[in-house]
Amino acid sequence: MNGSPITLAITGASGGIYGLRLLECLLQAGRPVYLLISEAGRLVLKMEHDLALPARPGDIAATLTERFGAEPGQLEVFGAKAWTAPVASGSGAPRQMVVCPCTTGTLGRIASGSSEALIERAADVVLKERGQLILVPRETPLSEIHLENMLRLTRMGAVMLPANPGFYHRPDDLAGVVDFVIARILDRLGIDQGLVPPWGSAPGE
């Protein structure tokens, strides 16, 4: 393992594949990951990808560690009310956090400082500690409420990175479409990625 831990939250927005792929890439890069996944997030993964994750955090960690070939202890999973988790306090939380995908409900609670569950608390900690918070909303169309919440969080220093794939890299399958968004997230996190070439480069360069 190398580098500092990153907090990854997966919520119940459609597009759980983005969260899974990001988790895979972070683990492959050798980064320790603190994973927070909501009950709705687990439900969406079952509906969209036939991935039935267990309910217990330790069992989720074991399942995903095996699935992605992670090192022992590289992935830690915390439940919604695990208030003693490192991510719940500024003295122990990672400086980087990604919510991928991010429901507009989660986005609204983060914007209002309402820490009803560990995901919102972890995001609140990153904001107050002036860390890097990346939110990946997956919703359309967007209401005025959604846009105002996004603007509010952007002014606080968070990054809005919607799951809007580009096509200049000429993806020929769903994985290529997903990787465009993941590449943009990894770029923001400062993690080297070979998923999508930079603008101006030919595919494969």
N, C-alpha and C. Protein backbone atom coordinates (compact mmCIF):
# COMPACT_ATOMS: atom_id res chain seq x y z
N MET A 1 0.84 -1.20 0.00
CA MET A 1 0.00 0.00 0.00
C MET A 1 0.87 1.24 0.00
N ASN A 2 0.39 2.29 -0.67
CA ASN A 2 1.15 3.53 -0.68
C ASN A 2 0.19 4.69 -0.69
N GLY A 3 0.62 5.80 -0.12
CA GLY A 3 -0.22 6.98 -0.08
C GLY A 3 -1.17 6.97 1.10
N SER A 4 -1.81 8.11 1.32
CA SER A 4 -2.74 8.25 2.43
C SER A 4 -4.10 7.67 2.05
N PRO A 5 -4.91 7.34 3.06
CA PRO A 5 -6.23 6.78 2.76
C PRO A 5 -7.13 7.78 2.05
N ILE A 6 -8.07 7.24 1.30
CA ILE A 6 -9.12 8.02 0.64
C ILE A 6 -10.46 7.48 1.11
N THR A 7 -11.37 8.38 1.41
CA THR A 7 -12.73 7.97 1.76
C THR A 7 -13.57 7.93 0.50
N LEU A 8 -14.24 6.81 0.28
CA LEU A 8 -15.15 6.66 -0.85
C LEU A 8 -16.53 6.31 -0.32
N ALA A 9 -17.53 7.10 -0.71
CA ALA A 9 -18.91 6.83 -0.34
C ALA A 9 -19.71 6.49 -1.58
N ILE A 10 -20.50 5.43 -1.49
CA ILE A 10 -21.39 5.02 -2.58
C ILE A 10 -22.82 5.15 -2.08
N THR A 11 -23.60 6.01 -2.71
CA THR A 11 -24.99 6.22 -2.28
C THR A 11 -25.94 5.58 -3.30
N GLY A 12 -27.24 5.84 -3.13
CA GLY A 12 -28.25 5.13 -3.89
C GLY A 12 -28.62 5.70 -5.24
N ALA A 13 -27.82 6.59 -5.78
CA ALA A 13 -28.10 7.09 -7.13
C ALA A 13 -27.84 5.99 -8.14
N SER A 14 -28.56 6.00 -9.24
CA SER A 14 -28.26 5.07 -10.32
C SER A 14 -26.83 5.32 -10.80
N GLY A 15 -26.14 4.23 -11.14
CA GLY A 15 -24.76 4.39 -11.56
C GLY A 15 -23.78 3.88 -10.53
N GLY A 16 -24.19 2.89 -9.75
CA GLY A 16 -23.28 2.31 -8.77
C GLY A 16 -22.02 1.75 -9.41
N ILE A 17 -22.08 1.46 -10.71
CA ILE A 17 -20.91 0.96 -11.43
C ILE A 17 -19.76 1.97 -11.38
N TYR A 18 -20.08 3.26 -11.31
CA TYR A 18 -19.03 4.26 -11.19
C TYR A 18 -18.28 4.08 -9.86
N GLY A 19 -19.03 3.88 -8.79
CA GLY A 19 -18.40 3.70 -7.49
C GLY A 19 -17.56 2.44 -7.42
N LEU A 20 -18.07 1.35 -8.00
CA LEU A 20 -17.32 0.10 -8.00
C LEU A 20 -16.03 0.23 -8.80
N ARG A 21 -16.12 0.85 -9.96
CA ARG A 21 -14.93 0.99 -10.80
C ARG A 21 -13.90 1.91 -10.14
N LEU A 22 -14.37 2.97 -9.50
CA LEU A 22 -13.45 3.86 -8.80
C LEU A 22 -12.77 3.11 -7.66
N LEU A 23 -13.53 2.33 -6.91
CA LEU A 23 -12.95 1.54 -5.83
C LEU A 23 -11.87 0.61 -6.38
N GLU A 24 -12.17 -0.06 -7.47
CA GLU A 24 -11.20 -0.96 -8.09
C GLU A 24 -9.91 -0.22 -8.45
N CYS A 25 -10.05 0.95 -9.06
CA CYS A 25 -8.87 1.72 -9.49
C CYS A 25 -8.06 2.22 -8.30
N LEU A 26 -8.73 2.66 -7.25
CA LEU A 26 -8.02 3.13 -6.06
C LEU A 26 -7.24 2.00 -5.41
N LEU A 27 -7.86 0.82 -5.34
CA LEU A 27 -7.16 -0.32 -4.75
C LEU A 27 -6.00 -0.76 -5.62
N GLN A 28 -6.18 -0.75 -6.93
CA GLN A 28 -5.09 -1.11 -7.84
C GLN A 28 -3.93 -0.13 -7.74
N ALA A 29 -4.24 1.12 -7.43
CA ALA A 29 -3.19 2.13 -7.26
C ALA A 29 -2.49 2.01 -5.92
N GLY A 30 -2.94 1.07 -5.09
CA GLY A 30 -2.30 0.84 -3.81
C GLY A 30 -2.75 1.75 -2.70
N ARG A 31 -3.83 2.50 -2.92
CA ARG A 31 -4.29 3.43 -1.89
C ARG A 31 -5.19 2.72 -0.89
N PRO A 32 -4.99 2.95 0.39
CA PRO A 32 -5.94 2.46 1.39
C PRO A 32 -7.28 3.19 1.20
N VAL A 33 -8.38 2.48 1.37
CA VAL A 33 -9.69 3.06 1.15
C VAL A 33 -10.59 2.82 2.35
N TYR A 34 -11.25 3.89 2.81
CA TYR A 34 -12.33 3.77 3.78
C TYR A 34 -13.64 3.85 2.99
N LEU A 35 -14.40 2.78 2.96
CA LEU A 35 -15.62 2.72 2.16
C LEU A 35 -16.86 2.88 3.03
N LEU A 36 -17.72 3.79 2.59
CA LEU A 36 -19.03 4.00 3.21
C LEU A 36 -20.08 3.74 2.14
N ILE A 37 -20.99 2.83 2.38
CA ILE A 37 -22.01 2.53 1.39
C ILE A 37 -23.37 2.52 2.08
N SER A 38 -24.30 3.28 1.53
CA SER A 38 -25.63 3.38 2.14
C SER A 38 -26.44 2.13 1.83
N GLU A 39 -27.52 1.96 2.57
CA GLU A 39 -28.42 0.83 2.30
C GLU A 39 -28.99 0.93 0.90
N ALA A 40 -29.36 2.15 0.49
CA ALA A 40 -29.86 2.35 -0.87
C ALA A 40 -28.79 2.05 -1.90
N GLY A 41 -27.54 2.36 -1.56
CA GLY A 41 -26.44 2.06 -2.46
C GLY A 41 -26.29 0.57 -2.70
N ARG A 42 -26.44 -0.21 -1.64
CA ARG A 42 -26.38 -1.67 -1.79
C ARG A 42 -27.55 -2.17 -2.63
N LEU A 43 -28.71 -1.57 -2.45
CA LEU A 43 -29.90 -1.97 -3.21
C LEU A 43 -29.70 -1.71 -4.70
N VAL A 44 -29.16 -0.54 -5.02
CA VAL A 44 -28.95 -0.20 -6.43
C VAL A 44 -27.94 -1.14 -7.07
N LEU A 45 -26.89 -1.49 -6.36
CA LEU A 45 -25.90 -2.43 -6.90
C LEU A 45 -26.55 -3.79 -7.19
N LYS A 46 -27.48 -4.20 -6.33
CA LYS A 46 -28.18 -5.46 -6.57
C LYS A 46 -29.09 -5.34 -7.79
N MET A 47 -29.79 -4.22 -7.93
CA MET A 47 -30.73 -4.03 -9.03
C MET A 47 -30.02 -3.88 -10.37
N GLU A 48 -28.94 -3.11 -10.40
CA GLU A 48 -28.29 -2.77 -11.66
C GLU A 48 -27.21 -3.76 -12.08
N HIS A 49 -26.59 -4.44 -11.11
CA HIS A 49 -25.43 -5.25 -11.44
C HIS A 49 -25.47 -6.66 -10.84
N ASP A 50 -26.61 -7.01 -10.22
CA ASP A 50 -26.74 -8.33 -9.60
C ASP A 50 -25.63 -8.60 -8.58
N LEU A 51 -25.15 -7.53 -7.96
CA LEU A 51 -24.13 -7.66 -6.93
C LEU A 51 -24.81 -7.54 -5.56
N ALA A 52 -24.95 -8.66 -4.88
CA ALA A 52 -25.62 -8.68 -3.58
C ALA A 52 -24.56 -8.61 -2.49
N LEU A 53 -24.34 -7.41 -1.97
CA LEU A 53 -23.37 -7.24 -0.90
C LEU A 53 -24.02 -7.57 0.44
N PRO A 54 -23.29 -8.19 1.34
CA PRO A 54 -23.84 -8.48 2.67
C PRO A 54 -24.10 -7.19 3.45
N ALA A 55 -24.83 -7.31 4.54
CA ALA A 55 -25.20 -6.12 5.31
C ALA A 55 -24.10 -5.68 6.27
N ARG A 56 -23.33 -6.62 6.78
CA ARG A 56 -22.32 -6.30 7.79
C ARG A 56 -21.07 -5.69 7.14
N PRO A 57 -20.57 -4.57 7.67
CA PRO A 57 -19.40 -3.90 7.08
C PRO A 57 -18.20 -4.82 6.90
N GLY A 58 -17.91 -5.65 7.89
CA GLY A 58 -16.77 -6.55 7.76
C GLY A 58 -16.92 -7.54 6.63
N ASP A 59 -18.16 -8.01 6.43
CA ASP A 59 -18.42 -8.95 5.35
C ASP A 59 -18.33 -8.26 3.98
N ILE A 60 -18.77 -7.00 3.92
CA ILE A 60 -18.64 -6.23 2.67
C ILE A 60 -17.15 -6.08 2.33
N ALA A 61 -16.35 -5.73 3.34
CA ALA A 61 -14.91 -5.55 3.10
C ALA A 61 -14.29 -6.85 2.59
N ALA A 62 -14.66 -7.98 3.18
CA ALA A 62 -14.10 -9.26 2.75
C ALA A 62 -14.52 -9.58 1.32
N THR A 63 -15.79 -9.32 0.98
CA THR A 63 -16.30 -9.62 -0.36
C THR A 63 -15.58 -8.79 -1.41
N LEU A 64 -15.44 -7.48 -1.16
CA LEU A 64 -14.84 -6.60 -2.15
C LEU A 64 -13.32 -6.74 -2.20
N THR A 65 -12.71 -7.08 -1.09
CA THR A 65 -11.27 -7.34 -1.08
C THR A 65 -10.96 -8.52 -1.99
N GLU A 66 -11.76 -9.57 -1.89
CA GLU A 66 -11.57 -10.74 -2.74
C GLU A 66 -11.88 -10.41 -4.20
N ARG A 67 -12.96 -9.66 -4.43
CA ARG A 67 -13.38 -9.33 -5.79
C ARG A 67 -12.30 -8.56 -6.54
N PHE A 68 -11.65 -7.62 -5.86
CA PHE A 68 -10.68 -6.75 -6.53
C PHE A 68 -9.22 -7.11 -6.22
N GLY A 69 -9.00 -8.19 -5.51
CA GLY A 69 -7.64 -8.62 -5.23
C GLY A 69 -6.85 -7.62 -4.40
N ALA A 70 -7.51 -6.97 -3.45
CA ALA A 70 -6.83 -5.98 -2.62
C ALA A 70 -5.96 -6.65 -1.57
N GLU A 71 -5.03 -5.90 -1.03
CA GLU A 71 -4.19 -6.40 0.04
C GLU A 71 -5.00 -6.50 1.33
N PRO A 72 -4.66 -7.41 2.21
CA PRO A 72 -5.35 -7.50 3.50
C PRO A 72 -5.28 -6.18 4.25
N GLY A 73 -6.41 -5.70 4.70
CA GLY A 73 -6.46 -4.45 5.46
C GLY A 73 -6.46 -3.20 4.62
N GLN A 74 -6.33 -3.34 3.30
CA GLN A 74 -6.30 -2.16 2.44
C GLN A 74 -7.67 -1.48 2.37
N LEU A 75 -8.72 -2.27 2.48
CA LEU A 75 -10.09 -1.75 2.41
C LEU A 75 -10.77 -1.93 3.75
N GLU A 76 -11.28 -0.83 4.31
CA GLU A 76 -12.07 -0.87 5.53
C GLU A 76 -13.46 -0.30 5.22
N VAL A 77 -14.48 -0.95 5.73
CA VAL A 77 -15.85 -0.53 5.49
C VAL A 77 -16.48 -0.16 6.82
N PHE A 78 -17.22 0.95 6.83
CA PHE A 78 -17.85 1.42 8.06
C PHE A 78 -19.35 1.59 7.84
N GLY A 79 -20.13 1.24 8.86
CA GLY A 79 -21.58 1.36 8.80
C GLY A 79 -22.06 2.79 8.96
N ALA A 80 -23.35 2.98 8.73
CA ALA A 80 -23.94 4.32 8.71
C ALA A 80 -23.85 5.04 10.06
N LYS A 81 -23.79 4.29 11.14
CA LYS A 81 -23.76 4.89 12.48
C LYS A 81 -22.46 4.61 13.22
N ALA A 82 -21.40 4.34 12.48
CA ALA A 82 -20.09 4.05 13.09
C ALA A 82 -19.40 5.36 13.45
N TRP A 83 -19.88 6.00 14.49
CA TRP A 83 -19.40 7.34 14.83
C TRP A 83 -17.98 7.36 15.37
N THR A 84 -17.42 6.20 15.69
CA THR A 84 -16.03 6.16 16.14
C THR A 84 -15.06 5.88 14.99
N ALA A 85 -15.56 5.81 13.76
CA ALA A 85 -14.70 5.59 12.60
C ALA A 85 -13.77 6.78 12.40
N PRO A 86 -12.59 6.57 11.84
CA PRO A 86 -11.65 7.69 11.62
C PRO A 86 -12.25 8.83 10.82
N VAL A 87 -13.14 8.52 9.87
CA VAL A 87 -13.70 9.56 9.00
C VAL A 87 -14.62 10.52 9.73
N ALA A 88 -15.02 10.19 10.97
CA ALA A 88 -15.97 11.01 11.71
C ALA A 88 -15.32 12.15 12.48
N SER A 89 -14.00 12.22 12.48
CA SER A 89 -13.31 13.24 13.25
C SER A 89 -12.19 13.87 12.45
N GLY A 90 -12.03 15.16 12.61
CA GLY A 90 -10.97 15.87 11.92
C GLY A 90 -9.58 15.41 12.30
N SER A 91 -9.46 14.77 13.46
CA SER A 91 -8.14 14.32 13.90
C SER A 91 -7.71 13.02 13.22
N GLY A 92 -8.65 12.35 12.53
CA GLY A 92 -8.29 11.08 11.93
C GLY A 92 -8.76 10.89 10.51
N ALA A 93 -9.57 11.81 10.00
CA ALA A 93 -10.16 11.62 8.68
C ALA A 93 -9.16 11.87 7.56
N PRO A 94 -9.28 11.11 6.45
CA PRO A 94 -8.45 11.39 5.28
C PRO A 94 -8.71 12.80 4.74
N ARG A 95 -7.76 13.33 4.02
CA ARG A 95 -7.90 14.67 3.46
C ARG A 95 -8.66 14.67 2.14
N GLN A 96 -8.92 13.47 1.59
CA GLN A 96 -9.62 13.36 0.31
C GLN A 96 -10.83 12.44 0.46
N MET A 97 -11.94 12.86 -0.14
CA MET A 97 -13.17 12.06 -0.10
C MET A 97 -13.91 12.23 -1.41
N VAL A 98 -14.46 11.12 -1.91
CA VAL A 98 -15.29 11.13 -3.11
C VAL A 98 -16.62 10.47 -2.79
N VAL A 99 -17.73 11.11 -3.19
CA VAL A 99 -19.05 10.49 -3.09
C VAL A 99 -19.48 10.15 -4.51
N CYS A 100 -19.48 8.85 -4.82
CA CYS A 100 -19.65 8.41 -6.21
C CYS A 100 -20.41 7.09 -6.28
N PRO A 101 -21.64 7.10 -6.82
CA PRO A 101 -22.40 8.28 -7.23
C PRO A 101 -23.01 8.96 -6.01
N CYS A 102 -23.42 10.21 -6.19
CA CYS A 102 -23.97 11.01 -5.10
C CYS A 102 -25.43 11.35 -5.40
N THR A 103 -26.33 10.90 -4.56
CA THR A 103 -27.73 11.28 -4.73
C THR A 103 -27.90 12.77 -4.44
N THR A 104 -28.94 13.36 -4.99
CA THR A 104 -29.20 14.77 -4.70
C THR A 104 -29.64 14.95 -3.25
N GLY A 105 -30.21 13.90 -2.65
CA GLY A 105 -30.55 13.97 -1.24
C GLY A 105 -29.31 14.05 -0.38
N THR A 106 -28.33 13.20 -0.67
CA THR A 106 -27.06 13.26 0.06
C THR A 106 -26.40 14.61 -0.15
N LEU A 107 -26.40 15.08 -1.38
CA LEU A 107 -25.80 16.38 -1.70
C LEU A 107 -26.46 17.49 -0.89
N GLY A 108 -27.79 17.43 -0.78
CA GLY A 108 -28.51 18.46 -0.02
C GLY A 108 -28.18 18.41 1.46
N ARG A 109 -28.06 17.20 2.01
CA ARG A 109 -27.73 17.08 3.44
C ARG A 109 -26.32 17.57 3.71
N ILE A 110 -25.39 17.28 2.80
CA ILE A 110 -24.03 17.79 2.98
C ILE A 110 -24.02 19.31 2.92
N ALA A 111 -24.77 19.87 1.97
CA ALA A 111 -24.82 21.33 1.81
C ALA A 111 -25.39 22.02 3.04
N SER A 112 -26.30 21.35 3.73
CA SER A 112 -26.94 21.96 4.90
C SER A 112 -26.23 21.62 6.21
N GLY A 113 -25.22 20.76 6.14
CA GLY A 113 -24.50 20.37 7.35
C GLY A 113 -25.26 19.40 8.21
N SER A 114 -26.22 18.68 7.62
CA SER A 114 -27.04 17.73 8.36
C SER A 114 -26.39 16.36 8.33
N SER A 115 -25.74 15.99 9.41
CA SER A 115 -24.99 14.73 9.47
C SER A 115 -25.84 13.63 10.09
N GLU A 116 -26.82 13.16 9.34
CA GLU A 116 -27.71 12.11 9.83
C GLU A 116 -27.05 10.74 9.81
N ALA A 117 -26.08 10.56 8.95
CA ALA A 117 -25.37 9.29 8.83
C ALA A 117 -23.90 9.59 8.61
N LEU A 118 -23.08 8.54 8.63
CA LEU A 118 -21.64 8.73 8.58
C LEU A 118 -21.17 9.35 7.27
N ILE A 119 -21.87 9.08 6.17
CA ILE A 119 -21.46 9.66 4.88
C ILE A 119 -21.48 11.19 4.96
N GLU A 120 -22.58 11.74 5.47
CA GLU A 120 -22.67 13.21 5.55
C GLU A 120 -21.67 13.76 6.56
N ARG A 121 -21.48 13.06 7.67
CA ARG A 121 -20.52 13.52 8.68
C ARG A 121 -19.11 13.52 8.11
N ALA A 122 -18.75 12.46 7.38
CA ALA A 122 -17.42 12.39 6.79
C ALA A 122 -17.19 13.54 5.82
N ALA A 123 -18.20 13.85 5.01
CA ALA A 123 -18.08 14.97 4.07
C ALA A 123 -17.97 16.29 4.81
N ASP A 124 -18.73 16.43 5.89
CA ASP A 124 -18.70 17.65 6.70
C ASP A 124 -17.30 17.86 7.28
N VAL A 125 -16.68 16.76 7.73
CA VAL A 125 -15.33 16.84 8.30
C VAL A 125 -14.33 17.30 7.24
N VAL A 126 -14.42 16.73 6.04
CA VAL A 126 -13.49 17.11 4.98
C VAL A 126 -13.64 18.59 4.64
N LEU A 127 -14.87 19.07 4.60
CA LEU A 127 -15.10 20.49 4.32
C LEU A 127 -14.52 21.38 5.41
N LYS A 128 -14.79 21.04 6.66
CA LYS A 128 -14.34 21.91 7.75
C LYS A 128 -12.82 21.89 7.91
N GLU A 129 -12.20 20.77 7.50
CA GLU A 129 -10.75 20.67 7.58
C GLU A 129 -10.06 21.17 6.32
N ARG A 130 -10.86 21.72 5.39
CA ARG A 130 -10.35 22.27 4.13
C ARG A 130 -9.63 21.21 3.30
N GLY A 131 -10.21 19.99 3.29
CA GLY A 131 -9.69 18.94 2.47
C GLY A 131 -10.31 18.96 1.08
N GLN A 132 -10.15 17.86 0.35
CA GLN A 132 -10.67 17.77 -1.01
C GLN A 132 -11.91 16.88 -1.02
N LEU A 133 -13.05 17.47 -1.35
CA LEU A 133 -14.31 16.75 -1.43
C LEU A 133 -14.80 16.78 -2.87
N ILE A 134 -14.97 15.61 -3.47
CA ILE A 134 -15.46 15.49 -4.84
C ILE A 134 -16.81 14.79 -4.81
N LEU A 135 -17.81 15.42 -5.37
CA LEU A 135 -19.15 14.85 -5.42
C LEU A 135 -19.49 14.53 -6.88
N VAL A 136 -20.01 13.31 -7.10
CA VAL A 136 -20.32 12.85 -8.45
C VAL A 136 -21.82 12.62 -8.56
N PRO A 137 -22.59 13.71 -8.75
CA PRO A 137 -24.04 13.54 -8.86
C PRO A 137 -24.43 12.83 -10.15
N ARG A 138 -25.49 12.02 -10.07
CA ARG A 138 -25.99 11.30 -11.23
C ARG A 138 -27.51 11.47 -11.21
N GLU A 139 -27.94 12.58 -11.76
CA GLU A 139 -29.36 12.93 -11.76
C GLU A 139 -29.67 13.80 -12.96
N THR A 140 -30.86 13.65 -13.52
CA THR A 140 -31.29 14.51 -14.62
C THR A 140 -32.80 14.43 -14.76
N PRO A 141 -33.49 15.54 -15.01
CA PRO A 141 -32.95 16.89 -15.02
C PRO A 141 -32.68 17.37 -13.60
N LEU A 142 -32.05 18.53 -13.49
CA LEU A 142 -31.71 19.10 -12.19
C LEU A 142 -32.69 20.22 -11.84
N SER A 143 -33.19 20.19 -10.63
CA SER A 143 -34.10 21.24 -10.18
C SER A 143 -33.31 22.44 -9.66
N GLU A 144 -34.00 23.52 -9.40
CA GLU A 144 -33.36 24.70 -8.84
C GLU A 144 -32.73 24.39 -7.48
N ILE A 145 -33.39 23.53 -6.71
CA ILE A 145 -32.85 23.14 -5.41
C ILE A 145 -31.50 22.43 -5.60
N HIS A 146 -31.46 21.50 -6.54
CA HIS A 146 -30.21 20.78 -6.79
C HIS A 146 -29.09 21.74 -7.19
N LEU A 147 -29.40 22.64 -8.11
CA LEU A 147 -28.40 23.57 -8.60
C LEU A 147 -27.92 24.52 -7.51
N GLU A 148 -28.84 24.98 -6.67
CA GLU A 148 -28.45 25.87 -5.57
C GLU A 148 -27.56 25.14 -4.57
N ASN A 149 -27.88 23.88 -4.29
CA ASN A 149 -27.03 23.10 -3.38
C ASN A 149 -25.64 22.88 -3.97
N MET A 150 -25.58 22.62 -5.26
CA MET A 150 -24.29 22.44 -5.92
C MET A 150 -23.47 23.73 -5.86
N LEU A 151 -24.12 24.85 -6.12
CA LEU A 151 -23.42 26.13 -6.07
C LEU A 151 -22.93 26.42 -4.66
N ARG A 152 -23.76 26.12 -3.69
CA ARG A 152 -23.37 26.36 -2.30
C ARG A 152 -22.14 25.55 -1.92
N LEU A 153 -22.13 24.27 -2.31
CA LEU A 153 -20.99 23.42 -1.99
C LEU A 153 -19.75 23.82 -2.77
N THR A 154 -19.93 24.24 -4.01
CA THR A 154 -18.79 24.69 -4.81
C THR A 154 -18.14 25.90 -4.15
N ARG A 155 -18.95 26.79 -3.64
CA ARG A 155 -18.41 27.97 -2.94
C ARG A 155 -17.68 27.58 -1.67
N MET A 156 -18.01 26.42 -1.08
CA MET A 156 -17.32 25.93 0.11
C MET A 156 -16.00 25.24 -0.24
N GLY A 157 -15.78 25.00 -1.52
CA GLY A 157 -14.55 24.36 -1.94
C GLY A 157 -14.71 22.96 -2.48
N ALA A 158 -15.93 22.41 -2.43
CA ALA A 158 -16.15 21.08 -2.99
C ALA A 158 -16.13 21.14 -4.51
N VAL A 159 -15.86 20.00 -5.13
CA VAL A 159 -15.83 19.90 -6.59
C VAL A 159 -17.05 19.11 -7.06
N MET A 160 -17.83 19.71 -7.96
CA MET A 160 -18.94 19.00 -8.58
C MET A 160 -18.42 18.33 -9.85
N LEU A 161 -18.46 17.01 -9.89
CA LEU A 161 -17.97 16.28 -11.04
C LEU A 161 -19.07 15.31 -11.48
N PRO A 162 -20.08 15.83 -12.20
CA PRO A 162 -21.21 14.98 -12.60
C PRO A 162 -20.76 13.79 -13.45
N ALA A 163 -21.52 12.73 -13.37
CA ALA A 163 -21.23 11.54 -14.17
C ALA A 163 -21.66 11.77 -15.61
N ASN A 164 -20.97 12.69 -16.28
CA ASN A 164 -21.26 13.05 -17.68
C ASN A 164 -20.09 12.61 -18.55
N PRO A 165 -20.15 11.43 -19.15
CA PRO A 165 -19.01 10.95 -19.93
C PRO A 165 -18.83 11.70 -21.23
N GLY A 166 -17.59 11.82 -21.65
CA GLY A 166 -17.26 12.34 -22.97
C GLY A 166 -17.02 11.18 -23.92
N PHE A 167 -16.84 11.49 -25.20
CA PHE A 167 -16.70 10.42 -26.18
C PHE A 167 -15.55 10.64 -27.15
N TYR A 168 -14.67 11.63 -26.86
CA TYR A 168 -13.57 11.87 -27.77
C TYR A 168 -12.55 10.74 -27.76
N HIS A 169 -12.58 9.92 -26.72
CA HIS A 169 -11.66 8.77 -26.69
C HIS A 169 -12.25 7.55 -27.40
N ARG A 170 -13.43 7.73 -27.98
CA ARG A 170 -14.08 6.71 -28.81
C ARG A 170 -14.29 5.38 -28.08
N PRO A 171 -15.05 5.40 -26.99
CA PRO A 171 -15.31 4.14 -26.29
C PRO A 171 -16.14 3.20 -27.14
N ASP A 172 -15.84 1.92 -27.06
CA ASP A 172 -16.60 0.96 -27.85
C ASP A 172 -17.42 0.02 -26.98
N ASP A 173 -17.47 0.31 -25.67
CA ASP A 173 -18.31 -0.47 -24.78
C ASP A 173 -18.65 0.35 -23.54
N LEU A 174 -19.49 -0.21 -22.68
CA LEU A 174 -19.91 0.50 -21.47
C LEU A 174 -18.73 0.79 -20.56
N ALA A 175 -17.79 -0.13 -20.48
CA ALA A 175 -16.63 0.08 -19.62
C ALA A 175 -15.86 1.33 -20.03
N GLY A 176 -15.75 1.56 -21.33
CA GLY A 176 -15.05 2.74 -21.81
C GLY A 176 -15.78 4.03 -21.45
N VAL A 177 -17.11 3.99 -21.46
CA VAL A 177 -17.91 5.15 -21.07
C VAL A 177 -17.71 5.45 -19.59
N VAL A 178 -17.77 4.41 -18.77
CA VAL A 178 -17.57 4.57 -17.32
C VAL A 178 -16.17 5.09 -17.02
N ASP A 179 -15.18 4.55 -17.71
CA ASP A 179 -13.79 4.92 -17.42
C ASP A 179 -13.50 6.39 -17.70
N PHE A 180 -14.27 7.02 -18.60
CA PHE A 180 -14.06 8.45 -18.83
C PHE A 180 -14.29 9.23 -17.55
N VAL A 181 -15.38 8.94 -16.86
CA VAL A 181 -15.69 9.65 -15.61
C VAL A 181 -14.67 9.30 -14.53
N ILE A 182 -14.32 8.01 -14.43
CA ILE A 182 -13.36 7.59 -13.42
C ILE A 182 -12.00 8.26 -13.64
N ALA A 183 -11.62 8.39 -14.91
CA ALA A 183 -10.34 9.05 -15.22
C ALA A 183 -10.33 10.49 -14.73
N ARG A 184 -11.45 11.19 -14.89
CA ARG A 184 -11.51 12.57 -14.44
C ARG A 184 -11.41 12.66 -12.91
N ILE A 185 -12.01 11.69 -12.23
CA ILE A 185 -11.92 11.67 -10.76
C ILE A 185 -10.48 11.40 -10.33
N LEU A 186 -9.84 10.41 -10.94
CA LEU A 186 -8.46 10.09 -10.58
C LEU A 186 -7.53 11.26 -10.86
N ASP A 187 -7.77 11.96 -11.95
CA ASP A 187 -6.96 13.15 -12.26
C ASP A 187 -7.07 14.16 -11.12
N ARG A 188 -8.28 14.38 -10.64
CA ARG A 188 -8.50 15.35 -9.56
C ARG A 188 -7.84 14.92 -8.26
N LEU A 189 -7.79 13.60 -8.05
CA LEU A 189 -7.18 13.07 -6.83
C LEU A 189 -5.65 13.04 -6.91
N GLY A 190 -5.12 13.31 -8.10
CA GLY A 190 -3.68 13.27 -8.28
C GLY A 190 -3.13 11.87 -8.40
N ILE A 191 -3.95 10.96 -8.90
CA ILE A 191 -3.55 9.56 -9.06
C ILE A 191 -3.34 9.29 -10.55
N ASP A 192 -2.17 8.77 -10.90
CA ASP A 192 -1.89 8.47 -12.30
C ASP A 192 -2.90 7.47 -12.84
N GLN A 193 -3.36 7.73 -14.07
CA GLN A 193 -4.33 6.83 -14.69
C GLN A 193 -4.03 6.71 -16.18
N GLY A 194 -4.27 5.50 -16.69
CA GLY A 194 -4.10 5.26 -18.11
C GLY A 194 -5.40 4.87 -18.77
N LEU A 195 -6.51 5.27 -18.15
CA LEU A 195 -7.83 4.89 -18.66
C LEU A 195 -8.21 5.67 -19.92
N VAL A 196 -7.96 6.97 -19.88
CA VAL A 196 -8.36 7.86 -20.99
C VAL A 196 -7.21 8.82 -21.27
N PRO A 197 -6.80 8.95 -22.51
CA PRO A 197 -5.71 9.87 -22.83
C PRO A 197 -6.16 11.32 -22.66
N PRO A 198 -5.24 12.23 -22.39
CA PRO A 198 -5.60 13.64 -22.29
C PRO A 198 -6.08 14.19 -23.62
N TRP A 199 -6.81 15.28 -23.54
CA TRP A 199 -7.33 15.92 -24.74
C TRP A 199 -6.17 16.25 -25.70
N GLY A 200 -6.39 15.95 -26.98
CA GLY A 200 -5.37 16.22 -27.97
C GLY A 200 -4.51 15.01 -28.30
N SER A 201 -4.63 13.95 -27.49
CA SER A 201 -3.87 12.73 -27.75
C SER A 201 -4.75 11.75 -28.50
N ALA A 202 -4.15 10.96 -29.34
CA ALA A 202 -4.90 9.94 -30.06
C ALA A 202 -5.21 8.79 -29.13
N PRO A 203 -6.34 8.11 -29.27
CA PRO A 203 -6.64 6.94 -28.45
C PRO A 203 -5.50 5.94 -28.49
N GLY A 204 -5.12 5.46 -27.32
CA GLY A 204 -4.03 4.49 -27.22
C GLY A 204 -2.69 5.12 -26.91
N GLU A 205 -2.58 6.46 -27.02
CA GLU A 205 -1.31 7.12 -26.69
C GLU A 205 -1.21 7.31 -25.18
